[in-house]
Amino acid sequence: MIESDERQELARLIREEKQLVARDLLASAWNEGIDAGIEPEILAESIVCAAIEELVAHCGQSWSGKLVEKLVTMEDEGRFATIRTLQ
């Protein structure tokens, strides 16, 4: 039987792997948009808005609002300045 700590570690690893796959998929879509002549600002706004709309539909407005607040905090802390660009 898997212990609680082992289950948590496995869940963390699975989440990290899913995040990597999601970033790869997003990078591909981003590059396709750039190649099609869409400006990065338009791509970013469209992607963020579409993601939040989907999140509201699947998780509800309350949870989505918490994520938006978290993203604002991350921006205020400069966390996005250290993330690699998708181009």
Protein backbone atom coordinates (compact mmCIF):
# COMPACT_ATOMS: atom_id res chain seq x y z
CA MET A 1 0.00 0.00 0.00
CA ILE A 2 1.30 3.45 -0.89
CA GLU A 3 1.88 5.73 2.10
CA SER A 4 0.39 9.22 2.23
CA ASP A 5 3.74 10.93 1.57
CA GLU A 6 4.38 8.68 -1.42
CA ARG A 7 0.91 9.43 -2.80
CA GLN A 8 1.49 13.15 -2.42
CA GLU A 9 4.86 12.90 -4.15
CA LEU A 10 3.35 10.87 -6.99
CA ALA A 11 0.54 13.42 -7.36
CA ARG A 12 3.12 16.24 -7.44
CA LEU A 13 5.15 14.48 -10.14
CA ILE A 14 2.06 13.80 -12.24
CA ARG A 15 1.01 17.46 -11.93
CA GLU A 16 4.49 18.63 -12.99
CA GLU A 17 4.41 16.33 -16.02
CA LYS A 18 0.97 17.60 -17.02
CA GLN A 19 2.21 21.18 -16.68
CA LEU A 20 5.15 20.42 -18.99
CA VAL A 21 2.85 18.88 -21.59
CA ALA A 22 0.47 21.86 -21.32
CA ARG A 23 3.36 24.31 -21.79
CA ASP A 24 4.56 22.39 -24.85
CA LEU A 25 1.06 22.48 -26.36
CA LEU A 26 0.76 26.19 -25.61
CA ALA A 27 4.21 26.88 -27.09
CA SER A 28 3.16 25.14 -30.32
CA ALA A 29 -0.05 27.16 -30.53
CA TRP A 30 1.85 30.36 -29.70
CA ASN A 31 4.39 29.71 -32.45
CA GLU A 32 1.61 28.98 -34.96
CA GLY A 33 -0.01 32.30 -34.08
CA ILE A 34 3.26 34.20 -34.45
CA ASP A 35 3.91 32.46 -37.78
CA ALA A 36 0.42 33.54 -38.89
CA GLY A 37 1.34 37.16 -38.19
CA ILE A 38 -0.60 37.62 -34.95
CA GLU A 39 1.06 40.02 -32.53
CA PRO A 40 2.16 38.62 -29.15
CA GLU A 41 -0.14 41.02 -27.27
CA ILE A 42 -3.19 39.80 -29.20
CA LEU A 43 -2.20 36.17 -28.72
CA ALA A 44 -1.65 36.64 -25.00
CA GLU A 45 -4.95 38.41 -24.39
CA SER A 46 -6.86 35.88 -26.46
CA ILE A 47 -5.23 32.91 -24.74
CA VAL A 48 -5.73 34.28 -21.23
CA CYS A 49 -9.36 35.25 -21.85
CA ALA A 50 -10.20 31.91 -23.48
CA ALA A 51 -8.53 30.02 -20.64
CA ILE A 52 -10.46 31.94 -17.99
CA GLU A 53 -13.74 31.43 -19.86
CA GLU A 54 -13.09 27.67 -19.99
CA LEU A 55 -12.07 27.64 -16.34
CA VAL A 56 -15.27 29.43 -15.29
CA ALA A 57 -17.30 26.89 -17.28
CA HIS A 58 -15.52 23.92 -15.67
CA CYS A 59 -14.66 25.12 -12.16
CA GLY A 60 -16.93 28.08 -11.47
CA GLN A 61 -16.36 31.78 -11.11
CA SER A 62 -15.17 31.66 -7.50
CA TRP A 63 -12.28 29.30 -8.24
CA SER A 64 -11.41 31.17 -11.42
CA GLY A 65 -11.36 34.46 -9.53
CA LYS A 66 -8.91 33.00 -7.04
CA LEU A 67 -6.62 31.99 -9.90
CA VAL A 68 -6.79 35.48 -11.40
CA GLU A 69 -5.88 36.95 -8.00
CA LYS A 70 -2.97 34.51 -7.76
CA LEU A 71 -1.76 35.54 -11.22
CA VAL A 72 -1.90 39.23 -10.25
CA THR A 73 0.17 38.47 -7.15
CA MET A 74 2.68 36.52 -9.24
CA GLU A 75 2.97 39.46 -11.66
CA ASP A 76 3.42 41.90 -8.77
CA GLU A 77 6.23 39.69 -7.45
CA GLY A 78 7.95 39.66 -10.85
CA ARG A 79 7.56 35.90 -11.28
CA PHE A 80 6.74 36.09 -14.97
CA ALA A 81 9.90 38.04 -15.79
CA THR A 82 11.95 34.89 -15.10
CA ILE A 83 9.85 32.52 -17.19
CA ARG A 84 11.18 31.69 -20.65
CA THR A 85 9.37 33.18 -23.60
CA LEU A 86 7.26 30.95 -25.81
CA GLN A 87 8.56 32.34 -29.11
